[in-house]
Amino acid sequence: FAYDYQTVERSLTAAYPLLTPDYRAEFQKSANTQIIPEAKKREVVVQANVVGAGVMSAQRDSASVMVYMNRTVTDKTRQPLYDGSRLRVDFKKVGKQWLIAYITPI
């Protein structure tokens, strides 16, 4: 996720409706105890750009996608850190919506 330390709560809150209820609870806990405090303390700005994605598996009510992402992370030192990331994103169909059930860094 991309965020700016000045608006990190708003950015992460906007993502919550995209998550399954179980994963939302876990993600909110991590956001409130780690991501938000650390972002504010270090004045972190994260920019993310998805450069590719591919379906790993797909069933009627679930799917997994590999996401390739480039990130630029800057903090109060103003030295940008460039990072290429791979994420496995698991989706689950809840009602008529496809929601993120889990994100695993690869």
N, C-alpha and C. Protein backbone atom coordinates (compact mmCIF):
# COMPACT_ATOMS: atom_id res chain seq x y z
N PHE A 1 0.84 -1.18 0.00
CA PHE A 1 0.00 0.00 0.00
C PHE A 1 0.88 1.24 0.00
N ALA A 2 0.45 2.25 -0.68
CA ALA A 2 1.14 3.54 -0.68
C ALA A 2 0.51 4.41 0.39
N TYR A 3 1.35 5.20 1.04
CA TYR A 3 0.83 6.12 2.05
C TYR A 3 1.85 7.20 2.35
N ASP A 4 1.37 8.26 2.96
CA ASP A 4 2.18 9.38 3.43
C ASP A 4 1.94 9.47 4.94
N TYR A 5 2.99 9.68 5.70
CA TYR A 5 2.86 9.71 7.16
C TYR A 5 1.83 10.73 7.64
N GLN A 6 1.59 11.77 6.86
CA GLN A 6 0.64 12.81 7.26
C GLN A 6 -0.81 12.36 7.11
N THR A 7 -1.04 11.37 6.24
CA THR A 7 -2.41 10.90 5.98
C THR A 7 -2.51 9.37 6.05
N VAL A 8 -1.59 8.74 6.76
CA VAL A 8 -1.52 7.28 6.77
C VAL A 8 -2.81 6.63 7.27
N GLU A 9 -3.45 7.19 8.29
CA GLU A 9 -4.69 6.59 8.79
C GLU A 9 -5.76 6.57 7.71
N ARG A 10 -5.91 7.69 7.00
CA ARG A 10 -6.92 7.78 5.95
C ARG A 10 -6.61 6.80 4.82
N SER A 11 -5.35 6.69 4.43
CA SER A 11 -4.96 5.79 3.34
C SER A 11 -5.25 4.34 3.69
N LEU A 12 -4.88 3.93 4.90
CA LEU A 12 -5.10 2.54 5.29
C LEU A 12 -6.58 2.25 5.53
N THR A 13 -7.30 3.19 6.10
CA THR A 13 -8.74 3.01 6.33
C THR A 13 -9.47 2.81 5.00
N ALA A 14 -9.02 3.48 3.95
CA ALA A 14 -9.64 3.34 2.64
C ALA A 14 -9.48 1.92 2.10
N ALA A 15 -8.45 1.21 2.54
CA ALA A 15 -8.22 -0.16 2.07
C ALA A 15 -9.06 -1.19 2.82
N TYR A 16 -9.52 -0.89 4.02
CA TYR A 16 -10.22 -1.88 4.85
C TYR A 16 -11.42 -2.54 4.16
N PRO A 17 -12.26 -1.80 3.42
CA PRO A 17 -13.41 -2.45 2.77
C PRO A 17 -13.01 -3.48 1.70
N LEU A 18 -11.75 -3.47 1.28
CA LEU A 18 -11.28 -4.41 0.26
C LEU A 18 -10.83 -5.74 0.86
N LEU A 19 -10.83 -5.83 2.20
CA LEU A 19 -10.31 -7.00 2.90
C LEU A 19 -11.45 -7.84 3.49
N THR A 20 -11.22 -9.16 3.55
CA THR A 20 -12.20 -10.02 4.23
C THR A 20 -12.26 -9.63 5.70
N PRO A 21 -13.37 -9.92 6.38
CA PRO A 21 -13.46 -9.54 7.80
C PRO A 21 -12.31 -10.08 8.65
N ASP A 22 -11.91 -11.34 8.45
CA ASP A 22 -10.82 -11.90 9.25
C ASP A 22 -9.50 -11.18 8.98
N TYR A 23 -9.19 -10.98 7.70
CA TYR A 23 -7.92 -10.31 7.37
C TYR A 23 -7.97 -8.84 7.77
N ARG A 24 -9.12 -8.22 7.68
CA ARG A 24 -9.27 -6.82 8.08
C ARG A 24 -8.88 -6.64 9.55
N ALA A 25 -9.35 -7.54 10.41
CA ALA A 25 -9.03 -7.45 11.84
C ALA A 25 -7.53 -7.56 12.06
N GLU A 26 -6.89 -8.51 11.38
CA GLU A 26 -5.44 -8.69 11.51
C GLU A 26 -4.69 -7.47 10.96
N PHE A 27 -5.12 -6.98 9.81
CA PHE A 27 -4.45 -5.84 9.18
C PHE A 27 -4.61 -4.58 10.03
N GLN A 28 -5.81 -4.36 10.57
CA GLN A 28 -6.04 -3.18 11.41
C GLN A 28 -5.14 -3.21 12.64
N LYS A 29 -4.99 -4.38 13.24
CA LYS A 29 -4.12 -4.50 14.41
C LYS A 29 -2.69 -4.15 14.04
N SER A 30 -2.20 -4.67 12.93
CA SER A 30 -0.84 -4.37 12.47
C SER A 30 -0.70 -2.89 12.14
N ALA A 31 -1.70 -2.33 11.49
CA ALA A 31 -1.66 -0.90 11.13
C ALA A 31 -1.59 -0.03 12.38
N ASN A 32 -2.43 -0.34 13.37
CA ASN A 32 -2.50 0.49 14.57
C ASN A 32 -1.31 0.34 15.50
N THR A 33 -0.71 -0.85 15.53
CA THR A 33 0.40 -1.08 16.46
C THR A 33 1.77 -0.89 15.83
N GLN A 34 1.88 -1.03 14.50
CA GLN A 34 3.19 -0.95 13.86
C GLN A 34 3.27 0.10 12.75
N ILE A 35 2.45 -0.06 11.72
CA ILE A 35 2.60 0.76 10.52
C ILE A 35 2.39 2.24 10.81
N ILE A 36 1.27 2.60 11.41
CA ILE A 36 0.96 4.02 11.65
C ILE A 36 1.95 4.67 12.61
N PRO A 37 2.23 4.07 13.78
CA PRO A 37 3.21 4.72 14.67
C PRO A 37 4.59 4.88 14.04
N GLU A 38 5.05 3.85 13.32
CA GLU A 38 6.37 3.92 12.69
C GLU A 38 6.39 4.94 11.56
N ALA A 39 5.33 5.01 10.78
CA ALA A 39 5.25 5.99 9.69
C ALA A 39 5.34 7.40 10.23
N LYS A 40 4.63 7.67 11.31
CA LYS A 40 4.65 9.02 11.89
C LYS A 40 5.99 9.33 12.54
N LYS A 41 6.55 8.37 13.24
CA LYS A 41 7.83 8.57 13.92
C LYS A 41 8.95 8.88 12.93
N ARG A 42 8.99 8.11 11.83
CA ARG A 42 10.07 8.27 10.85
C ARG A 42 9.70 9.16 9.67
N GLU A 43 8.45 9.69 9.66
CA GLU A 43 7.96 10.53 8.56
C GLU A 43 8.09 9.81 7.22
N VAL A 44 7.53 8.61 7.16
CA VAL A 44 7.64 7.74 6.00
C VAL A 44 6.63 8.10 4.92
N VAL A 45 7.11 8.11 3.68
CA VAL A 45 6.26 8.24 2.50
C VAL A 45 6.57 7.03 1.62
N VAL A 46 5.54 6.26 1.29
CA VAL A 46 5.69 5.08 0.45
C VAL A 46 4.93 5.31 -0.84
N GLN A 47 5.64 5.17 -1.95
CA GLN A 47 5.00 5.22 -3.27
C GLN A 47 5.09 3.81 -3.84
N ALA A 48 4.01 3.33 -4.41
CA ALA A 48 3.97 1.96 -4.94
C ALA A 48 3.45 1.98 -6.37
N ASN A 49 4.07 1.16 -7.21
CA ASN A 49 3.68 1.06 -8.60
C ASN A 49 3.64 -0.42 -8.99
N VAL A 50 2.47 -0.92 -9.33
CA VAL A 50 2.34 -2.31 -9.77
C VAL A 50 2.85 -2.40 -11.20
N VAL A 51 3.84 -3.28 -11.41
CA VAL A 51 4.44 -3.41 -12.74
C VAL A 51 4.03 -4.70 -13.44
N GLY A 52 3.35 -5.57 -12.71
CA GLY A 52 2.88 -6.80 -13.33
C GLY A 52 2.06 -7.62 -12.36
N ALA A 53 1.23 -8.49 -12.91
CA ALA A 53 0.43 -9.39 -12.08
C ALA A 53 0.05 -10.60 -12.92
N GLY A 54 -0.06 -11.73 -12.26
CA GLY A 54 -0.45 -12.95 -12.95
C GLY A 54 -1.22 -13.87 -12.03
N VAL A 55 -2.21 -14.54 -12.59
CA VAL A 55 -3.03 -15.47 -11.81
C VAL A 55 -2.22 -16.73 -11.53
N MET A 56 -2.14 -17.09 -10.25
CA MET A 56 -1.45 -18.32 -9.84
C MET A 56 -2.43 -19.49 -9.79
N SER A 57 -3.62 -19.22 -9.27
CA SER A 57 -4.66 -20.25 -9.21
C SER A 57 -6.01 -19.55 -9.13
N ALA A 58 -7.03 -20.26 -9.58
CA ALA A 58 -8.38 -19.69 -9.53
C ALA A 58 -9.40 -20.81 -9.39
N GLN A 59 -10.28 -20.63 -8.43
CA GLN A 59 -11.40 -21.54 -8.22
C GLN A 59 -12.67 -20.70 -8.22
N ARG A 60 -13.77 -21.35 -7.99
CA ARG A 60 -15.06 -20.66 -8.03
C ARG A 60 -15.15 -19.54 -6.98
N ASP A 61 -14.63 -19.77 -5.76
CA ASP A 61 -14.76 -18.79 -4.69
C ASP A 61 -13.44 -18.30 -4.12
N SER A 62 -12.33 -18.61 -4.79
CA SER A 62 -11.03 -18.14 -4.31
C SER A 62 -10.05 -18.05 -5.47
N ALA A 63 -9.03 -17.25 -5.27
CA ALA A 63 -8.00 -17.09 -6.29
C ALA A 63 -6.73 -16.56 -5.64
N SER A 64 -5.60 -16.81 -6.30
CA SER A 64 -4.32 -16.26 -5.85
C SER A 64 -3.65 -15.59 -7.03
N VAL A 65 -3.09 -14.41 -6.77
CA VAL A 65 -2.45 -13.62 -7.81
C VAL A 65 -1.06 -13.23 -7.33
N MET A 66 -0.06 -13.34 -8.21
CA MET A 66 1.28 -12.85 -7.92
C MET A 66 1.34 -11.41 -8.43
N VAL A 67 1.73 -10.49 -7.57
CA VAL A 67 1.81 -9.07 -7.92
C VAL A 67 3.26 -8.64 -7.83
N TYR A 68 3.74 -8.02 -8.89
CA TYR A 68 5.10 -7.47 -8.92
C TYR A 68 4.97 -5.96 -8.76
N MET A 69 5.70 -5.43 -7.79
CA MET A 69 5.51 -4.02 -7.43
C MET A 69 6.86 -3.37 -7.18
N ASN A 70 7.00 -2.15 -7.64
CA ASN A 70 8.16 -1.33 -7.30
C ASN A 70 7.72 -0.31 -6.28
N ARG A 71 8.53 -0.15 -5.23
CA ARG A 71 8.21 0.82 -4.18
C ARG A 71 9.38 1.76 -3.99
N THR A 72 9.04 2.99 -3.66
CA THR A 72 10.02 3.97 -3.23
C THR A 72 9.61 4.39 -1.83
N VAL A 73 10.52 4.20 -0.87
CA VAL A 73 10.25 4.54 0.53
C VAL A 73 11.21 5.66 0.92
N THR A 74 10.63 6.76 1.39
CA THR A 74 11.43 7.90 1.84
C THR A 74 11.03 8.22 3.27
N ASP A 75 12.02 8.53 4.11
CA ASP A 75 11.70 8.95 5.48
C ASP A 75 12.39 10.28 5.75
N LYS A 76 12.45 10.67 7.03
CA LYS A 76 12.97 12.00 7.34
C LYS A 76 14.44 12.17 7.00
N THR A 77 15.16 11.09 6.69
CA THR A 77 16.54 11.23 6.22
C THR A 77 16.58 11.73 4.78
N ARG A 78 15.45 11.63 4.10
CA ARG A 78 15.27 12.07 2.70
C ARG A 78 16.12 11.26 1.70
N GLN A 79 16.60 10.11 2.13
CA GLN A 79 17.32 9.20 1.23
C GLN A 79 16.33 8.14 0.75
N PRO A 80 15.92 8.18 -0.52
CA PRO A 80 14.94 7.20 -0.99
C PRO A 80 15.52 5.79 -1.04
N LEU A 81 14.69 4.83 -0.70
CA LEU A 81 15.03 3.42 -0.79
C LEU A 81 14.14 2.82 -1.87
N TYR A 82 14.76 2.23 -2.88
CA TYR A 82 14.01 1.62 -3.97
C TYR A 82 13.94 0.12 -3.72
N ASP A 83 12.73 -0.43 -3.87
CA ASP A 83 12.51 -1.82 -3.50
C ASP A 83 11.59 -2.48 -4.52
N GLY A 84 12.03 -3.60 -5.05
CA GLY A 84 11.16 -4.41 -5.89
C GLY A 84 10.54 -5.48 -5.03
N SER A 85 9.24 -5.61 -5.07
CA SER A 85 8.54 -6.56 -4.20
C SER A 85 7.70 -7.52 -5.02
N ARG A 86 7.58 -8.72 -4.49
CA ARG A 86 6.64 -9.70 -5.03
C ARG A 86 5.68 -10.05 -3.91
N LEU A 87 4.41 -10.02 -4.22
CA LEU A 87 3.38 -10.32 -3.23
C LEU A 87 2.44 -11.38 -3.78
N ARG A 88 2.12 -12.34 -2.94
CA ARG A 88 1.04 -13.27 -3.27
C ARG A 88 -0.21 -12.70 -2.62
N VAL A 89 -1.21 -12.42 -3.42
CA VAL A 89 -2.46 -11.86 -2.92
C VAL A 89 -3.54 -12.93 -3.09
N ASP A 90 -4.08 -13.37 -1.96
CA ASP A 90 -5.14 -14.38 -1.98
C ASP A 90 -6.49 -13.67 -1.88
N PHE A 91 -7.40 -14.05 -2.75
CA PHE A 91 -8.74 -13.46 -2.79
C PHE A 91 -9.77 -14.51 -2.40
N LYS A 92 -10.86 -14.03 -1.83
CA LYS A 92 -11.98 -14.90 -1.47
C LYS A 92 -13.26 -14.19 -1.88
N LYS A 93 -14.17 -14.93 -2.46
CA LYS A 93 -15.45 -14.35 -2.84
C LYS A 93 -16.37 -14.36 -1.62
N VAL A 94 -16.80 -13.17 -1.23
CA VAL A 94 -17.70 -13.00 -0.09
C VAL A 94 -18.97 -12.35 -0.64
N GLY A 95 -20.05 -13.13 -0.68
CA GLY A 95 -21.26 -12.64 -1.34
C GLY A 95 -20.97 -12.49 -2.82
N LYS A 96 -21.12 -11.29 -3.34
CA LYS A 96 -20.83 -11.03 -4.75
C LYS A 96 -19.52 -10.28 -4.95
N GLN A 97 -18.78 -10.07 -3.86
CA GLN A 97 -17.53 -9.31 -3.93
C GLN A 97 -16.31 -10.20 -3.79
N TRP A 98 -15.26 -9.87 -4.53
CA TRP A 98 -13.96 -10.51 -4.35
C TRP A 98 -13.15 -9.63 -3.41
N LEU A 99 -12.78 -10.19 -2.26
CA LEU A 99 -12.04 -9.44 -1.26
C LEU A 99 -10.67 -10.09 -1.02
N ILE A 100 -9.74 -9.28 -0.55
CA ILE A 100 -8.40 -9.78 -0.24
C ILE A 100 -8.46 -10.56 1.07
N ALA A 101 -8.06 -11.84 0.99
CA ALA A 101 -8.08 -12.70 2.17
C ALA A 101 -6.74 -12.73 2.87
N TYR A 102 -5.66 -12.46 2.13
CA TYR A 102 -4.33 -12.42 2.75
C TYR A 102 -3.32 -11.90 1.73
N ILE A 103 -2.29 -11.23 2.23
CA ILE A 103 -1.18 -10.77 1.39
C ILE A 103 0.09 -11.33 1.99
N THR A 104 0.85 -12.05 1.17
CA THR A 104 2.09 -12.66 1.63
C THR A 104 3.26 -12.14 0.80
N PRO A 105 4.24 -11.48 1.42
CA PRO A 105 5.46 -11.11 0.68
C PRO A 105 6.20 -12.38 0.27
N ILE A 106 6.68 -12.41 -0.95
CA ILE A 106 7.43 -13.57 -1.46
C ILE A 106 8.91 -13.21 -1.55
